[in-house]
């Protein structure tokens, strides 16, 4: 199932997300930035001017965004944050030990997020993405009524996490510090994806579904010109190791699939199920024009020049 979500990421709607005093990931990156890297970001002498140059307007020199993106991805603290699904599971265990009414909304949001991936469908996936916290500021800016704003604040993950942190700050609970630490970690992870989205001129998402066989994974979907869509799936499976796929959808229903896997056993297993895969695709109106098994280097070849890719989003599981 391929689901493309078009998003407006214009600077006027996202600037308030990407300030060092509100975005924890950006604050972490800038905390220990070297003078040489600061020069690459901007010729400005003060941090305020640098942030304005980076975030208020799209820079003419893409080196600025690329430099900050590299710092973001290589930051030791952010690299050790782990994945969102693990954070949510740990948070769920903590909340099960606490029956405080104050945290009821948070419990509901966490349980909804940790639905098993076998129950995935288009509507639930769309709902999870919209309420993941990554689009909170943009949604609030576009809200047309108090009722809509109230609904957003009650269901959006980032809004609920922020509210819970505020309430816990003055509360007296047995495991208060542990819960707050976990919420703070989740908040920074969401901030990381928001900043990553901005710097990539795309939408980087986490996919909070429970999948026991998966150690970690990334899914990148890009919308190219001429109504072409590309999807890279890079998974690290607990039993079979690395599995990489590239899907290309064109002419509305023509699909090419390239597959690379580390395990010979998994390759044999995939081979034996190709007929079932083709049948399932035909049943939903998708025509598999080409399915190939390739080396990892071939699967990871770039899509093409930057002009060919107009918008995409990255999903981390």
Protein backbone atom coordinates (compact mmCIF):
# COMPACT_ATOMS: atom_id res chain seq x y z
CA UNK A 1 0.00 0.00 0.00
CA UNK A 2 1.43 3.37 -1.04
CA UNK A 3 -0.04 6.45 0.61
CA UNK A 4 1.20 9.88 -0.50
CA UNK A 5 0.36 12.80 1.73
CA UNK A 6 0.86 16.28 0.28
CA UNK A 7 1.96 18.76 2.92
CA UNK A 8 2.45 22.50 2.96
CA UNK A 9 5.79 23.14 4.64
CA UNK A 10 6.08 26.85 3.87
CA UNK A 11 8.40 28.77 6.15
CA UNK A 12 5.72 31.01 7.67
CA UNK A 13 3.98 27.94 9.11
CA UNK A 14 7.09 26.21 10.42
CA UNK A 15 9.35 29.00 11.66
CA UNK A 16 8.03 28.80 15.22
CA UNK A 17 8.96 25.09 15.33
CA UNK A 18 12.60 25.64 14.42
CA UNK A 19 13.91 28.00 17.08
CA UNK A 20 16.57 26.86 19.53
CA UNK A 21 14.46 27.83 22.54
CA UNK A 22 11.51 25.65 21.39
CA UNK A 23 13.06 22.82 19.35
CA UNK A 24 15.08 20.54 21.62
CA UNK A 25 16.87 18.83 18.74
CA UNK A 26 18.08 22.13 17.29
CA UNK A 27 19.22 23.28 20.71
CA UNK A 28 21.21 20.07 21.11
CA UNK A 29 22.88 20.49 17.71
CA UNK A 30 23.86 24.12 18.32
CA UNK A 31 25.09 23.51 21.87
CA UNK A 32 28.54 22.27 20.91
CA UNK A 33 28.82 23.56 17.34
CA UNK A 34 32.38 24.24 16.17
CA UNK A 35 33.41 27.71 14.90
CA UNK A 36 34.14 26.32 11.42
CA UNK A 37 30.69 24.75 11.20
CA UNK A 38 29.12 27.97 12.41
CA UNK A 39 30.87 29.80 9.58
CA UNK A 40 29.45 27.35 7.07
CA UNK A 41 25.95 27.98 8.37
CA UNK A 42 26.07 31.73 7.92
CA UNK A 43 28.32 34.76 7.75
CA UNK A 44 26.18 36.42 10.43
CA UNK A 45 27.86 37.09 13.78
CA UNK A 46 24.96 36.30 16.10
CA UNK A 47 22.84 33.17 16.50
CA UNK A 48 19.59 35.04 15.97
CA UNK A 49 20.66 36.17 12.51
CA UNK A 50 21.83 32.66 11.65
CA UNK A 51 18.50 31.13 12.59
CA UNK A 52 16.64 33.83 10.68
CA UNK A 53 18.76 33.12 7.61
CA UNK A 54 18.30 29.36 7.95
CA UNK A 55 14.66 29.16 8.87
CA UNK A 56 12.70 32.27 7.94
CA UNK A 57 13.54 32.13 4.27
CA UNK A 58 14.76 29.34 2.06
CA UNK A 59 18.50 29.96 1.71
CA UNK A 60 19.93 30.58 -1.72
CA UNK A 61 22.99 28.59 -0.67
CA UNK A 62 21.84 25.03 0.11
CA UNK A 63 25.16 24.46 1.88
CA UNK A 64 23.56 25.98 4.99
CA UNK A 65 20.79 23.42 5.18
CA UNK A 66 23.13 20.58 4.28
CA UNK A 67 25.61 21.58 6.99
CA UNK A 68 22.93 21.71 9.66
CA UNK A 69 21.42 18.44 8.38
CA UNK A 70 24.80 16.71 8.70
CA UNK A 71 25.22 18.05 12.23
CA UNK A 72 21.73 16.87 13.11
CA UNK A 73 22.27 13.33 11.87
CA UNK A 74 25.72 13.03 13.46
CA UNK A 75 24.89 14.53 16.86
CA UNK A 76 25.81 11.88 19.49
CA UNK A 77 22.88 12.68 21.80
CA UNK A 78 20.32 12.50 18.99
CA UNK A 79 21.86 9.33 17.55
CA UNK A 80 21.41 7.63 20.93
CA UNK A 81 17.75 8.62 21.32
CA UNK A 82 16.57 5.31 19.87
CA UNK A 83 13.31 4.85 17.97
CA UNK A 84 9.92 6.27 18.88
CA UNK A 85 8.19 2.89 19.11
CA UNK A 86 10.56 1.77 21.88
CA UNK A 87 10.02 5.04 23.74
CA UNK A 88 6.26 4.63 23.50
CA UNK A 89 6.40 1.03 24.76
CA UNK A 90 8.52 2.05 27.74
CA UNK A 91 6.16 4.92 28.44
CA UNK A 92 3.16 2.60 28.26
CA UNK A 93 4.70 0.32 30.88
CA UNK A 94 5.26 3.28 33.18
CA UNK A 95 1.71 4.53 32.74
CA UNK A 96 0.25 1.11 33.53
CA UNK A 97 1.70 1.51 37.02
CA UNK A 98 0.01 4.87 37.46
CA UNK A 99 -3.77 5.28 37.63
CA UNK A 100 -3.71 9.09 37.96
CA UNK A 101 -6.64 10.70 36.04
CA UNK A 102 -4.25 13.46 35.01
CA UNK A 103 -2.50 11.04 32.63
CA UNK A 104 -5.61 9.41 31.13
CA UNK A 105 -5.39 11.35 27.84
CA UNK A 106 -1.72 10.45 27.53
CA UNK A 107 -2.51 6.77 28.11
CA UNK A 108 -5.12 6.82 25.35
CA UNK A 109 -2.73 8.44 22.86
CA UNK A 110 0.07 5.97 23.66
CA UNK A 111 -2.19 2.90 23.36
CA UNK A 112 -3.53 4.10 19.99
CA UNK A 113 0.02 4.63 18.75
CA UNK A 114 1.14 1.10 19.63
CA UNK A 115 -1.39 -0.81 17.55
CA UNK A 116 0.01 -3.96 15.96
CA UNK A 117 1.17 -3.46 12.37
CA UNK A 118 -1.01 -6.38 11.24
CA UNK A 119 -4.01 -4.10 11.84
CA UNK A 120 -2.71 -1.39 9.51
CA UNK A 121 -5.10 0.17 7.00
CA UNK A 122 -5.14 3.38 5.01
CA UNK A 123 -7.45 5.34 7.33
CA UNK A 124 -5.70 4.38 10.56
CA UNK A 125 -2.28 5.10 9.05
CA UNK A 126 -3.40 8.52 7.86
CA UNK A 127 -4.85 9.27 11.30
CA UNK A 128 -1.65 8.20 13.04
CA UNK A 129 0.47 10.40 10.76
CA UNK A 130 -1.80 13.43 11.16
CA UNK A 131 -1.76 13.09 14.97
CA UNK A 132 1.91 12.11 15.29
CA UNK A 133 2.85 15.55 16.63
CA UNK A 134 4.90 16.47 13.57
CA UNK A 135 2.27 18.80 12.12
CA UNK A 136 0.83 20.30 15.31
CA UNK A 137 1.96 23.88 14.77
CA UNK A 138 0.82 23.95 11.16
CA UNK A 139 -2.56 22.43 12.06
CA UNK A 140 -3.11 24.93 14.87
CA UNK A 141 -2.28 27.81 12.54
CA UNK A 142 -4.92 26.59 10.08
CA UNK A 143 -7.58 25.74 12.68
CA UNK A 144 -10.79 27.67 12.02
CA UNK A 145 -12.60 27.33 15.37
CA UNK A 146 -12.05 26.86 19.10
CA UNK A 147 -13.63 23.44 18.87
CA UNK A 148 -11.16 22.37 16.18
CA UNK A 149 -8.26 23.66 18.28
CA UNK A 150 -9.53 21.79 21.34
CA UNK A 151 -9.81 18.57 19.33
CA UNK A 152 -6.27 18.99 18.02
CA UNK A 153 -4.87 19.53 21.49
CA UNK A 154 -6.70 16.44 22.78
CA UNK A 155 -5.51 14.01 20.09
CA UNK A 156 -2.16 15.26 18.81
CA UNK A 157 0.77 13.38 20.36
CA UNK A 158 3.05 16.40 20.74
CA UNK A 159 0.29 18.51 22.28
CA UNK A 160 -0.62 15.80 24.78
CA UNK A 161 3.05 15.19 25.68
CA UNK A 162 3.63 18.91 26.24
CA UNK A 163 0.50 19.25 28.37
CA UNK A 164 1.44 16.19 30.42
CA UNK A 165 4.92 17.60 31.09
CA UNK A 166 3.40 20.86 32.30
CA UNK A 167 0.95 19.10 34.61
CA UNK A 168 3.52 16.66 35.99
CA UNK A 169 5.90 19.51 36.80
CA UNK A 170 3.71 20.56 39.73
CA UNK A 171 2.24 17.15 40.56
CA UNK A 172 3.22 14.67 43.23
CA UNK A 173 3.50 11.13 41.86
CA UNK A 174 5.61 8.11 42.91
CA UNK A 175 7.34 7.72 39.52
CA UNK A 176 7.01 11.34 38.38
CA UNK A 177 10.69 11.85 37.47
CA UNK A 178 10.86 8.64 35.40
CA UNK A 179 7.68 9.48 33.46
CA UNK A 180 8.88 13.05 32.82
CA UNK A 181 12.23 11.77 31.57
CA UNK A 182 10.48 9.45 29.11
CA UNK A 183 8.14 12.23 27.95
CA UNK A 184 11.07 14.58 27.48
CA UNK A 185 12.79 11.94 25.33
CA UNK A 186 9.68 11.50 23.19
CA UNK A 187 9.36 15.27 22.83
CA UNK A 188 12.95 15.53 21.58
CA UNK A 189 12.38 12.69 19.10
CA UNK A 190 9.38 14.52 17.62
CA UNK A 191 11.40 17.75 17.45
CA UNK A 192 14.13 15.82 15.63
CA UNK A 193 11.73 14.64 12.93
CA UNK A 194 10.27 18.13 12.54
CA UNK A 195 13.72 19.65 12.03
CA UNK A 196 14.75 16.81 9.71
CA UNK A 197 11.63 17.48 7.63
CA UNK A 198 12.46 21.15 7.28
CA UNK A 199 16.09 20.62 6.33
CA UNK A 200 15.20 17.93 3.78
CA UNK A 201 12.35 20.03 2.33
CA UNK A 202 10.24 16.92 2.89
CA UNK A 203 8.29 15.30 5.70
CA UNK A 204 10.21 12.91 7.93
CA UNK A 205 7.87 10.68 9.91
CA UNK A 206 8.05 7.95 12.46
CA UNK A 207 5.61 5.05 12.15
CA UNK A 208 4.55 3.96 15.65
CA UNK A 209 3.33 0.43 14.99
CA UNK A 210 4.27 -2.69 16.91
CA UNK A 211 6.21 -5.23 14.79
CA UNK A 212 8.01 -7.96 16.77
CA UNK A 213 10.17 -9.19 13.87
CA UNK A 214 11.61 -5.72 13.22
CA UNK A 215 14.73 -4.38 14.93
CA UNK A 216 14.69 -1.02 13.17
CA UNK A 217 13.69 0.39 9.80
CA UNK A 218 13.29 3.36 7.50
CA UNK A 219 10.78 4.01 4.75
CA UNK A 220 11.31 6.89 2.33
CA UNK A 221 8.59 7.86 -0.13
CA UNK A 222 9.21 10.49 -2.79
CA UNK A 223 6.94 12.08 -5.35
CA UNK A 224 8.76 12.76 -8.62
CA UNK A 225 7.69 14.58 -11.76
CA UNK A 226 5.22 13.09 -14.23
CA UNK A 227 3.21 11.49 -11.41
CA UNK A 228 5.92 8.99 -10.53
CA UNK A 229 6.34 7.73 -6.98
CA UNK A 230 9.35 6.00 -5.42
CA UNK A 231 9.54 4.14 -2.14
CA UNK A 232 12.71 2.85 -0.44
CA UNK A 233 12.18 0.37 2.38
CA UNK A 234 15.26 -0.36 4.49
CA UNK A 235 14.63 -2.85 7.30
CA UNK A 236 16.84 -4.56 9.86
CA UNK A 237 15.06 -7.78 10.82
CA UNK A 238 15.86 -9.63 14.05
CA UNK A 239 16.11 -13.05 12.41
CA UNK A 240 17.11 -12.31 8.80
CA UNK A 241 19.23 -9.17 9.00
CA UNK A 242 19.05 -6.46 6.33
CA UNK A 243 16.19 -6.28 3.82
CA UNK A 244 16.06 -3.46 1.27
CA UNK A 245 13.42 -2.78 -1.34
CA UNK A 246 12.87 -0.07 -3.91
CA UNK A 247 9.40 0.38 -5.36
CA UNK A 248 8.63 2.59 -8.35
CA UNK A 249 5.02 3.41 -9.24
CA UNK A 250 4.24 5.02 -12.61
CA UNK A 251 1.29 5.48 -14.95
CA UNK A 252 -1.00 5.21 -11.89
CA UNK A 253 -0.78 1.43 -11.49
CA UNK A 254 2.50 0.13 -12.95
CA UNK A 255 4.90 -1.07 -10.24
CA UNK A 256 8.58 -2.03 -10.35
CA UNK A 257 10.16 -3.72 -7.32
CA UNK A 258 13.88 -4.22 -6.63
CA UNK A 259 14.81 -6.41 -3.64
CA UNK A 260 18.06 -6.99 -1.80
CA UNK A 261 18.38 -9.13 1.33
CA UNK A 262 21.28 -10.22 3.49
CA UNK A 263 19.93 -13.67 4.30
CA UNK A 264 19.84 -16.43 1.62
CA UNK A 265 17.00 -18.05 3.60
CA UNK A 266 14.94 -14.87 3.39
CA UNK A 267 15.66 -14.57 -0.33
CA UNK A 268 14.37 -18.11 -0.89
CA UNK A 269 11.31 -17.35 1.23
CA UNK A 270 10.56 -14.20 -0.78
CA UNK A 271 11.08 -16.06 -4.06
CA UNK A 272 8.58 -18.71 -3.05
CA UNK A 273 5.93 -16.05 -2.31
CA UNK A 274 6.33 -13.89 -5.43
CA UNK A 275 3.23 -15.42 -7.06
CA UNK A 276 1.12 -14.57 -4.01
CA UNK A 277 2.51 -11.04 -3.99
CA UNK A 278 1.65 -10.55 -7.67
CA UNK A 279 -1.86 -11.86 -7.12
CA UNK A 280 -2.40 -9.51 -4.17
CA UNK A 281 -1.21 -6.56 -6.26
CA UNK A 282 -3.46 -7.48 -9.20
CA UNK A 283 -6.40 -7.78 -6.80
CA UNK A 284 -6.06 -4.09 -5.86
CA UNK A 285 -5.46 -2.92 -9.44
CA UNK A 286 -1.65 -2.68 -9.30
CA UNK A 287 0.31 -4.28 -12.15
CA UNK A 288 3.78 -5.58 -11.12
CA UNK A 289 5.73 -4.99 -14.31
CA UNK A 290 9.12 -6.02 -12.93
CA UNK A 291 10.33 -7.70 -9.71
CA UNK A 292 14.08 -8.19 -9.37
CA UNK A 293 16.56 -9.33 -6.74
CA UNK A 294 19.62 -7.05 -6.76
CA UNK A 295 22.77 -6.33 -4.81
CA UNK A 296 22.45 -3.77 -2.01
CA UNK A 297 24.47 -1.17 -3.93
CA UNK A 298 22.06 -1.33 -6.86
CA UNK A 299 18.98 -0.93 -4.66
CA UNK A 300 20.42 2.17 -2.96
CA UNK A 301 21.18 4.10 -6.15
CA UNK A 302 19.75 7.66 -6.02
CA UNK A 303 16.45 8.44 -7.70
CA UNK A 304 17.96 11.06 -9.98
CA UNK A 305 18.69 14.77 -9.98
CA UNK A 306 17.16 17.02 -7.35
CA UNK A 307 14.87 18.59 -9.94
CA UNK A 308 13.10 15.25 -10.46
CA UNK A 309 12.05 14.94 -6.83
CA UNK A 310 9.40 17.41 -5.77
CA UNK A 311 8.24 16.12 -2.37
CA UNK A 312 8.61 13.07 -0.22
CA UNK A 313 8.53 11.86 3.35
CA UNK A 314 10.65 9.57 5.44
CA UNK A 315 9.10 7.17 7.90
CA UNK A 316 11.03 5.56 10.72
CA UNK A 317 9.67 2.47 12.39
